[in-house]
């Protein structure tokens, strides 16, 4: 029986020790895989690139195999004197022609401007895909940093709860011994209950942060009847059956994202997309203007034909041709289309300028907030150190009779809040760096 109990305890400990560890890189990869916006923009960009390649191919000669087979029920005849053999058909019921043909279009720049418009449109789509990629990464990073903050809050409250429970035991023993009042015992228990209540709320927030990360990255998170818990709190009595979650360290993530705060703002892909869209519209305007010029199409062909007039045999035929097309009157269609394209280009430029100003404003706003958080963090570090020391001194003074329990409780709460503020600002710093990186 003892062996069975020990085995069950070992299995329980092993199940509890299992951790769900997720890295920022995994979250980023997952975000790009599940983001419908990014995948759609990527397909659209590749489609535009294919269209640009197709538009470019029109500049070169086109070679085709052409053929025609025809049956005529009646064949015309030519009347001839009987001395010359009488009437003679001018061909055969069956006629065919087959052979390679080449065409080359020479115009005033229509095809060249069409290729330029397609290339610019492809560049705009590629920039839009990059904007979607950055958006997906920003959402995943923000969700990850909030998960990291939720984990830190759970851990800090867990440590504070452990301290409250330890102090509660000491106080209850002192109350039983008669060295402390019943009121001190009640206040110590109330403080412990406050920490337990805060732990329940913090674990609920952690569950929400896990769900948000799963939505942003597609990562499957553990599901259990118990709310999740920071892996550093493994082994606590309330950790039984709870999914243990672990994230990367703050310092590692900070080192990775720190370069985003250097070098000033770049050209965001959303701005580039509008700039390329404007260039595509201008190329279309030049295309419509060029359509007013003559267009020449040179053709050459060699074919096997049957019949050769009234002679019923196949023969090789070579042909060449040159055709000219020039619009004379179209009720202003080309002028209207050219004006439409130029106005569309101006509209895209106006949006580009506005987007560039907004991106620059957002970058410097995020940079100022990032620097303010760094300044605040320096204060928070000092405050957390002093609050922790003050809490320890307050409890030592209480044990020696030099302080009241209210002072101990106040010092403990101040220490918890100072460490929570420190964690919150850490998350804020990472989020601002992620925003700066998305605006590069």
Protein backbone atom coordinates (compact mmCIF):
# COMPACT_ATOMS: atom_id res chain seq x y z
CA UNK A 1 0.00 0.00 0.00
CA UNK A 2 2.81 2.39 0.87
CA UNK A 3 4.45 1.63 -2.46
CA UNK A 4 1.21 2.44 -4.29
CA UNK A 5 0.81 5.72 -2.43
CA UNK A 6 4.39 6.68 -3.20
CA UNK A 7 3.86 5.83 -6.85
CA UNK A 8 0.72 7.94 -7.05
CA UNK A 9 2.51 10.84 -5.37
CA UNK A 10 5.38 10.54 -7.82
CA UNK A 11 3.02 10.49 -10.81
CA UNK A 12 1.16 13.50 -9.41
CA UNK A 13 4.41 15.39 -8.91
CA UNK A 14 5.52 14.48 -12.42
CA UNK A 15 2.22 15.73 -13.91
CA UNK A 16 2.46 18.95 -11.93
CA UNK A 17 6.05 19.53 -13.02
CA UNK A 18 5.05 19.55 -16.72
CA UNK A 19 5.43 23.08 -18.05
CA UNK A 20 4.00 24.93 -20.99
CA UNK A 21 6.91 27.07 -22.22
CA UNK A 22 6.42 29.44 -25.13
CA UNK A 23 8.98 31.78 -26.67
CA UNK A 24 8.47 35.04 -28.50
CA UNK A 25 9.93 33.53 -31.68
CA UNK A 26 7.34 30.75 -31.60
CA UNK A 27 4.56 33.28 -31.12
CA UNK A 28 5.83 35.32 -34.07
CA UNK A 29 6.07 32.32 -36.38
CA UNK A 30 2.61 31.18 -35.40
CA UNK A 31 1.18 34.67 -35.95
CA UNK A 32 2.44 34.74 -39.53
CA UNK A 33 1.03 31.28 -40.18
CA UNK A 34 -2.48 32.01 -38.93
CA UNK A 35 -2.86 35.67 -39.93
CA UNK A 36 -5.46 35.78 -42.68
CA UNK A 37 -4.58 39.39 -43.49
CA UNK A 38 -0.91 38.57 -44.00
CA UNK A 39 -1.52 35.41 -46.01
CA UNK A 40 -4.07 37.17 -48.22
CA UNK A 41 -1.74 40.12 -48.77
CA UNK A 42 1.08 37.72 -49.64
CA UNK A 43 -1.01 35.90 -52.25
CA UNK A 44 -2.14 39.24 -53.64
CA UNK A 45 1.47 40.42 -53.92
CA UNK A 46 2.53 37.27 -55.75
CA UNK A 47 -0.44 37.59 -58.08
CA UNK A 48 0.57 41.18 -58.87
CA UNK A 49 4.14 40.06 -59.56
CA UNK A 50 2.84 37.47 -62.01
CA UNK A 51 0.73 40.18 -63.68
CA UNK A 52 3.82 42.38 -63.99
CA UNK A 53 5.76 39.56 -65.63
CA UNK A 54 2.87 38.99 -68.04
CA UNK A 55 2.74 42.70 -68.91
CA UNK A 56 6.47 42.71 -69.60
CA UNK A 57 6.23 39.77 -71.99
CA UNK A 58 4.00 41.82 -74.31
CA UNK A 59 7.03 43.96 -75.26
CA UNK A 60 8.64 41.08 -77.09
CA UNK A 61 7.60 39.23 -80.25
CA UNK A 62 4.92 36.58 -79.85
CA UNK A 63 5.25 33.26 -81.60
CA UNK A 64 2.20 31.04 -82.11
CA UNK A 65 1.21 27.93 -83.99
CA UNK A 66 -1.90 28.70 -86.00
CA UNK A 67 -4.02 26.37 -88.05
CA UNK A 68 -7.39 26.19 -89.72
CA UNK A 69 -9.39 23.32 -91.19
CA UNK A 70 -12.51 24.05 -93.28
CA UNK A 71 -15.03 22.04 -95.22
CA UNK A 72 -17.20 23.60 -97.94
CA UNK A 73 -20.16 21.70 -99.33
CA UNK A 74 -20.00 23.51 -102.67
CA UNK A 75 -16.83 24.39 -104.55
CA UNK A 76 -16.92 27.11 -107.12
CA UNK A 77 -16.07 26.12 -110.64
CA UNK A 78 -14.75 28.03 -113.59
CA UNK A 79 -16.32 27.43 -116.97
CA UNK A 80 -13.84 26.33 -119.62
CA UNK A 81 -14.33 25.29 -123.23
CA UNK A 82 -14.62 21.58 -123.83
CA UNK A 83 -11.42 21.74 -125.82
CA UNK A 84 -9.66 22.85 -122.66
CA UNK A 85 -11.18 20.15 -120.51
CA UNK A 86 -14.45 21.76 -119.57
CA UNK A 87 -15.35 23.25 -116.20
CA UNK A 88 -12.78 23.09 -113.42
CA UNK A 89 -13.27 23.48 -109.64
CA UNK A 90 -11.44 26.34 -107.99
CA UNK A 91 -10.14 24.29 -105.08
CA UNK A 92 -11.40 21.43 -102.94
CA UNK A 93 -14.16 20.80 -100.41
CA UNK A 94 -11.49 20.46 -97.72
CA UNK A 95 -9.03 23.30 -97.11
CA UNK A 96 -6.45 23.69 -94.37
CA UNK A 97 -3.53 25.81 -93.33
CA UNK A 98 -1.11 25.28 -90.46
CA UNK A 99 2.18 26.87 -89.46
CA UNK A 100 4.04 29.16 -87.05
CA UNK A 101 3.26 32.86 -86.91
CA UNK A 102 5.16 35.72 -85.28
CA UNK A 103 3.76 39.09 -84.17
CA UNK A 104 5.54 42.13 -82.84
CA UNK A 105 3.71 45.23 -81.69
CA UNK A 106 5.40 48.61 -82.01
CA UNK A 107 3.54 51.46 -80.35
CA UNK A 108 4.17 54.81 -78.73
CA UNK A 109 4.90 53.32 -75.29
CA UNK A 110 1.56 51.73 -74.41
CA UNK A 111 3.05 48.35 -73.59
CA UNK A 112 6.04 49.86 -71.82
CA UNK A 113 3.84 52.03 -69.60
CA UNK A 114 1.54 49.05 -68.97
CA UNK A 115 4.52 47.08 -67.73
CA UNK A 116 5.60 49.98 -65.50
CA UNK A 117 2.09 50.29 -64.04
CA UNK A 118 2.01 46.54 -63.33
CA UNK A 119 5.43 46.65 -61.69
CA UNK A 120 4.46 49.57 -59.50
CA UNK A 121 1.24 47.85 -58.55
CA UNK A 122 3.21 44.73 -57.61
CA UNK A 123 5.55 46.84 -55.48
CA UNK A 124 2.53 48.40 -53.77
CA UNK A 125 1.05 44.98 -53.06
CA UNK A 126 4.39 43.76 -51.68
CA UNK A 127 4.57 46.77 -49.37
CA UNK A 128 1.01 46.07 -48.22
CA UNK A 129 2.02 42.48 -47.48
CA UNK A 130 4.94 43.76 -45.41
CA UNK A 131 2.57 46.06 -43.52
CA UNK A 132 0.30 43.09 -42.82
CA UNK A 133 3.30 41.08 -41.64
CA UNK A 134 4.35 43.80 -39.24
CA UNK A 135 0.80 44.13 -37.98
CA UNK A 136 0.59 40.40 -37.27
CA UNK A 137 3.95 40.49 -35.47
CA UNK A 138 2.93 43.50 -33.40
CA UNK A 139 -0.27 41.81 -32.28
CA UNK A 140 1.60 38.64 -31.34
CA UNK A 141 4.31 40.56 -29.50
CA UNK A 142 1.82 42.66 -27.60
CA UNK A 143 -0.09 39.52 -26.56
CA UNK A 144 3.14 37.85 -25.51
CA UNK A 145 4.33 40.77 -23.40
CA UNK A 146 0.94 40.96 -21.70
CA UNK A 147 1.20 37.25 -20.97
CA UNK A 148 4.61 37.89 -19.49
CA UNK A 149 3.17 40.64 -17.30
CA UNK A 150 0.28 38.39 -16.19
CA UNK A 151 2.79 35.69 -15.24
CA UNK A 152 4.87 38.16 -13.26
CA UNK A 153 1.81 39.40 -11.38
CA UNK A 154 0.82 35.84 -10.47
CA UNK A 155 4.33 35.13 -9.28
CA UNK A 156 4.59 38.31 -7.20
CA UNK A 157 1.21 37.73 -5.59
CA UNK A 158 2.21 34.12 -4.96
CA UNK A 159 5.36 35.24 -3.17
CA UNK A 160 3.40 37.80 -1.18
CA UNK A 161 0.82 35.14 -0.33
CA UNK A 162 3.54 32.81 0.94
CA UNK A 163 4.90 35.63 3.11
CA UNK A 164 1.42 36.44 4.45
CA UNK A 165 0.76 32.79 5.30
CA UNK A 166 4.10 32.53 7.09
CA UNK A 167 3.42 35.69 9.07
CA UNK A 168 -0.12 34.46 9.81
CA UNK A 169 1.24 31.28 11.37
CA UNK A 170 3.63 33.29 13.55
CA UNK A 171 0.85 35.66 14.58
CA UNK A 172 -1.59 32.86 15.42
CA UNK A 173 1.03 31.20 17.59
CA UNK A 174 1.64 34.52 19.33
CA UNK A 175 -2.12 34.99 19.87
CA UNK A 176 -2.36 31.53 21.44
CA UNK A 177 0.63 32.34 23.63
CA UNK A 178 -1.03 35.55 24.72
CA UNK A 179 1.73 37.82 23.44
CA UNK A 180 -0.46 39.24 20.67
CA UNK A 181 -4.03 40.41 20.62
CA UNK A 182 -6.91 38.68 18.93
CA UNK A 183 -7.22 41.76 16.68
CA UNK A 184 -3.71 41.19 15.30
CA UNK A 185 -4.66 37.62 14.45
CA UNK A 186 -7.80 38.75 12.62
CA UNK A 187 -5.89 41.39 10.69
CA UNK A 188 -3.19 38.90 9.69
CA UNK A 189 -5.86 36.48 8.46
CA UNK A 190 -7.61 39.27 6.53
CA UNK A 191 -4.35 40.14 4.81
CA UNK A 192 -3.87 36.52 3.81
CA UNK A 193 -7.42 36.37 2.47
CA UNK A 194 -6.74 39.53 0.45
CA UNK A 195 -3.68 37.89 -1.14
CA UNK A 196 -5.69 34.75 -1.93
CA UNK A 197 -8.39 36.84 -3.55
CA UNK A 198 -5.79 38.71 -5.58
CA UNK A 199 -4.26 35.39 -6.62
CA UNK A 200 -7.61 34.18 -7.96
CA UNK A 201 -8.01 37.36 -9.99
CA UNK A 202 -4.43 37.27 -11.23
CA UNK A 203 -4.78 33.67 -12.39
CA UNK A 204 -7.98 34.59 -14.20
CA UNK A 205 -6.13 37.42 -15.95
CA UNK A 206 -3.38 34.96 -16.84
CA UNK A 207 -5.95 32.65 -18.43
CA UNK A 208 -7.24 35.57 -20.48
CA UNK A 209 -3.70 36.50 -21.54
CA UNK A 210 -3.10 32.91 -22.65
CA UNK A 211 -6.28 32.94 -24.73
CA UNK A 212 -5.28 36.27 -26.32
CA UNK A 213 -1.87 34.84 -27.22
CA UNK A 214 -3.49 31.75 -28.71
CA UNK A 215 -5.78 33.92 -30.83
CA UNK A 216 -2.90 36.10 -32.06
CA UNK A 217 -0.42 33.29 -32.73
CA UNK A 218 -2.48 30.14 -33.21
CA UNK A 219 -0.49 28.38 -30.49
CA UNK A 220 -2.47 25.73 -28.67
CA UNK A 221 -2.47 26.54 -24.95
CA UNK A 222 -3.11 24.00 -22.19
CA UNK A 223 -6.68 23.60 -21.00
CA UNK A 224 -7.53 22.42 -17.51
CA UNK A 225 -10.20 22.65 -14.86
CA UNK A 226 -7.73 24.72 -12.83
CA UNK A 227 -6.62 28.21 -13.88
CA UNK A 228 -3.00 28.47 -15.09
CA UNK A 229 -0.10 29.33 -12.83
CA UNK A 230 3.40 30.67 -13.19
CA UNK A 231 5.87 27.78 -13.38
CA UNK A 232 7.98 29.32 -10.62
CA UNK A 233 5.16 28.60 -8.18
CA UNK A 234 5.24 24.87 -8.85
CA UNK A 235 4.89 22.86 -5.67
CA UNK A 236 2.53 25.24 -3.88
CA UNK A 237 -0.57 23.67 -2.40
CA UNK A 238 -2.82 25.56 -4.87
CA UNK A 239 -0.74 24.41 -7.87
CA UNK A 240 -2.17 20.88 -8.01
CA UNK A 241 -3.66 20.21 -11.46
CA UNK A 242 -2.92 23.73 -12.72
CA UNK A 243 -1.16 24.24 -16.07
CA UNK A 244 2.30 25.67 -15.38
CA UNK A 245 3.26 28.42 -17.81
CA UNK A 246 6.73 29.76 -18.52
CA UNK A 247 7.82 32.67 -20.73
CA UNK A 248 11.15 34.19 -21.73
CA UNK A 249 13.02 36.48 -19.40
CA UNK A 250 12.51 40.21 -19.63
CA UNK A 251 16.22 40.98 -20.05
CA UNK A 252 16.55 38.62 -23.04
CA UNK A 253 13.62 40.22 -24.83
CA UNK A 254 14.80 43.72 -24.01
CA UNK A 255 18.22 43.05 -25.57
CA UNK A 256 16.56 41.78 -28.74
CA UNK A 257 14.22 44.75 -29.22
CA UNK A 258 16.47 47.56 -27.96
CA UNK A 259 17.81 48.46 -31.47
CA UNK A 260 14.28 49.54 -32.45
CA UNK A 261 14.76 52.71 -30.37
CA UNK A 262 17.81 53.77 -32.38
CA UNK A 263 18.25 55.40 -35.76
CA UNK A 264 15.00 57.33 -36.08
CA UNK A 265 11.87 56.44 -38.05
CA UNK A 266 12.07 54.67 -41.37
CA UNK A 267 9.65 54.48 -44.28
CA UNK A 268 6.78 52.29 -43.06
CA UNK A 269 5.50 49.82 -45.65
CA UNK A 270 2.04 51.38 -45.57
CA UNK A 271 3.55 54.68 -46.78
CA UNK A 272 5.56 52.90 -49.46
CA UNK A 273 2.44 51.06 -50.63
CA UNK A 274 0.64 54.38 -51.24
CA UNK A 275 3.68 55.84 -52.98
CA UNK A 276 3.90 52.89 -55.35
CA UNK A 277 0.14 53.04 -55.96
CA UNK A 278 0.54 56.67 -57.01
CA UNK A 279 3.38 55.75 -59.37
CA UNK A 280 1.23 52.98 -60.87
CA UNK A 281 -1.60 55.44 -61.51
CA UNK A 282 0.81 57.87 -63.22
CA UNK A 283 2.10 55.07 -65.44
CA UNK A 284 -1.50 54.28 -66.38
CA UNK A 285 -2.03 57.95 -67.26
CA UNK A 286 0.99 57.83 -69.58
CA UNK A 287 -0.39 54.62 -71.06
CA UNK A 288 -3.68 56.29 -72.04
CA UNK A 289 -1.79 59.23 -73.49
CA UNK A 290 0.36 56.90 -75.58
CA UNK A 291 -2.73 55.16 -76.95
CA UNK A 292 -3.38 58.27 -79.04
CA UNK A 293 -0.23 57.52 -81.07
CA UNK A 294 -0.06 55.11 -84.02
CA UNK A 295 0.34 51.42 -83.29
CA UNK A 296 2.15 49.14 -85.73
CA UNK A 297 1.85 45.36 -85.68
CA UNK A 298 4.39 43.45 -87.76
CA UNK A 299 3.53 39.84 -88.60
CA UNK A 300 5.35 37.03 -90.35
CA UNK A 301 4.15 33.52 -91.08
CA UNK A 302 5.10 30.36 -92.85
CA UNK A 303 2.51 27.64 -93.32
CA UNK A 304 1.54 24.47 -95.05
CA UNK A 305 -1.57 25.22 -97.13
CA UNK A 306 -3.98 23.13 -99.18
CA UNK A 307 -5.06 23.43 -101.93
CA UNK A 308 -3.04 25.70 -104.14
CA UNK A 309 -5.97 27.31 -105.85
CA UNK A 310 -7.39 24.85 -108.36
CA UNK A 311 -4.31 22.68 -107.97
CA UNK A 312 -5.13 20.01 -105.39
CA UNK A 313 -1.82 19.70 -103.58
CA UNK A 314 -0.19 21.16 -100.44
CA UNK A 315 2.40 23.90 -100.64
CA UNK A 316 4.53 26.06 -98.31
CA UNK A 317 3.33 29.64 -98.08
CA UNK A 318 5.29 32.50 -96.54
CA UNK A 319 3.59 35.80 -95.66
CA UNK A 320 4.51 39.04 -93.95
CA UNK A 321 2.37 41.98 -93.04
CA UNK A 322 2.30 45.37 -91.35
CA UNK A 323 -0.85 46.88 -89.89
CA UNK A 324 -1.41 50.41 -88.61
CA UNK A 325 -3.96 51.54 -86.04
CA UNK A 326 -4.45 55.09 -84.83
CA UNK A 327 -7.52 56.38 -82.99
CA UNK A 328 -9.08 59.47 -84.56
CA UNK A 329 -12.24 60.00 -82.56
CA UNK A 330 -13.34 58.26 -79.33
CA UNK A 331 -15.56 60.91 -77.72
CA UNK A 332 -12.80 61.87 -75.27
CA UNK A 333 -12.43 58.36 -73.77
CA UNK A 334 -8.64 58.41 -73.61
CA UNK A 335 -8.52 61.97 -72.24
CA UNK A 336 -10.99 61.04 -69.51
CA UNK A 337 -9.09 57.90 -68.57
CA UNK A 338 -5.82 59.81 -68.47
CA UNK A 339 -7.35 62.47 -66.22
CA UNK A 340 -8.86 59.78 -64.00
CA UNK A 341 -5.46 58.12 -63.54
CA UNK A 342 -3.70 61.38 -62.75
CA UNK A 343 -6.33 62.29 -60.15
CA UNK A 344 -6.00 58.82 -58.62
CA UNK A 345 -2.24 59.37 -58.41
CA UNK A 346 -2.78 62.68 -56.63
CA UNK A 347 -5.20 61.02 -54.21
CA UNK A 348 -2.65 58.34 -53.37
CA UNK A 349 0.02 60.97 -52.84
CA UNK A 350 -2.22 62.87 -50.46
CA UNK A 351 -2.84 59.67 -48.48
CA UNK A 352 0.89 58.91 -48.55
CA UNK A 353 1.78 62.29 -47.08
CA UNK A 354 -0.84 61.88 -44.36
CA UNK A 355 0.32 58.34 -43.59
CA UNK A 356 3.94 59.49 -43.43
CA UNK A 357 3.08 62.27 -40.99
CA UNK A 358 1.02 59.90 -38.86
CA UNK A 359 3.78 57.29 -38.83
CA UNK A 360 6.38 59.90 -37.85
CA UNK A 361 4.10 61.22 -35.11
CA UNK A 362 3.40 57.72 -33.80
CA UNK A 363 7.10 56.86 -33.83
CA UNK A 364 8.21 59.88 -31.84
CA UNK A 365 5.24 59.56 -29.49
CA UNK A 366 6.17 55.94 -28.80
CA UNK A 367 9.82 56.95 -28.44
CA UNK A 368 8.97 59.65 -25.89
CA UNK A 369 6.78 57.23 -23.96
CA UNK A 370 9.53 54.62 -24.07
CA UNK A 371 12.08 57.05 -22.66
CA UNK A 372 9.62 58.18 -19.99
CA UNK A 373 9.11 54.54 -18.99
CA UNK A 374 12.86 54.07 -18.69
CA UNK A 375 13.07 57.09 -16.38
CA UNK A 376 10.13 55.79 -14.38
CA UNK A 377 11.72 52.37 -14.19
CA UNK A 378 14.83 53.78 -12.54
CA UNK A 379 12.56 55.18 -9.81
CA UNK A 380 10.59 51.93 -9.60
CA UNK A 381 13.72 49.85 -9.08
CA UNK A 382 14.81 52.02 -6.18
CA UNK A 383 11.27 52.10 -4.76
CA UNK A 384 10.91 48.32 -4.97
CA UNK A 385 14.22 47.76 -3.19
CA UNK A 386 13.34 50.18 -0.41
CA UNK A 387 9.77 48.87 -0.09
CA UNK A 388 11.05 45.30 0.28
CA UNK A 389 13.55 46.37 2.92
CA UNK A 390 10.90 48.44 4.71
CA UNK A 391 8.53 45.45 4.80
CA UNK A 392 11.20 43.24 6.35
CA UNK A 393 12.09 45.93 8.92
CA UNK A 394 8.42 46.55 9.76
CA UNK A 395 7.83 42.88 10.50
CA UNK A 396 11.02 42.64 12.54
CA UNK A 397 9.91 45.69 14.53
CA UNK A 398 6.47 44.14 15.01
CA UNK A 399 7.97 40.94 16.36
CA UNK A 400 10.02 42.96 18.84
CA UNK A 401 6.99 45.03 19.86
CA UNK A 402 8.10 48.25 18.15
CA UNK A 403 5.39 48.37 15.46
CA UNK A 404 1.72 47.53 14.96
CA UNK A 405 0.27 44.98 12.56
CA UNK A 406 -1.25 47.78 10.50
CA UNK A 407 2.27 49.04 9.80
CA UNK A 408 3.32 45.54 8.76
CA UNK A 409 0.31 45.16 6.50
CA UNK A 410 0.86 48.56 4.94
CA UNK A 411 4.53 47.82 4.33
CA UNK A 412 3.74 44.44 2.76
CA UNK A 413 1.14 45.98 0.46
CA UNK A 414 3.49 48.78 -0.54
CA UNK A 415 6.21 46.25 -1.37
CA UNK A 416 3.81 44.21 -3.52
CA UNK A 417 2.61 47.28 -5.38
CA UNK A 418 6.16 48.50 -5.96
CA UNK A 419 7.18 45.17 -7.50
CA UNK A 420 3.96 45.05 -9.55
CA UNK A 421 4.62 48.57 -10.85
CA UNK A 422 8.10 47.43 -11.82
CA UNK A 423 6.69 44.49 -13.80
CA UNK A 424 4.03 46.66 -15.47
CA UNK A 425 6.60 49.16 -16.67
CA UNK A 426 8.79 46.32 -17.96
CA UNK A 427 5.88 45.13 -20.11
CA UNK A 428 5.21 48.71 -21.21
CA UNK A 429 8.83 49.13 -22.30
CA UNK A 430 8.68 45.98 -24.45
CA UNK A 431 5.37 46.99 -26.01
CA UNK A 432 6.73 50.45 -26.93
CA UNK A 433 9.81 48.84 -28.46
CA UNK A 434 7.56 46.56 -30.50
CA UNK A 435 5.61 49.60 -31.73
CA UNK A 436 8.86 51.37 -32.66
CA UNK A 437 10.05 48.29 -34.53
CA UNK A 438 6.81 48.16 -36.54
CA UNK A 439 7.32 51.80 -37.64
CA UNK A 440 10.88 51.35 -38.87
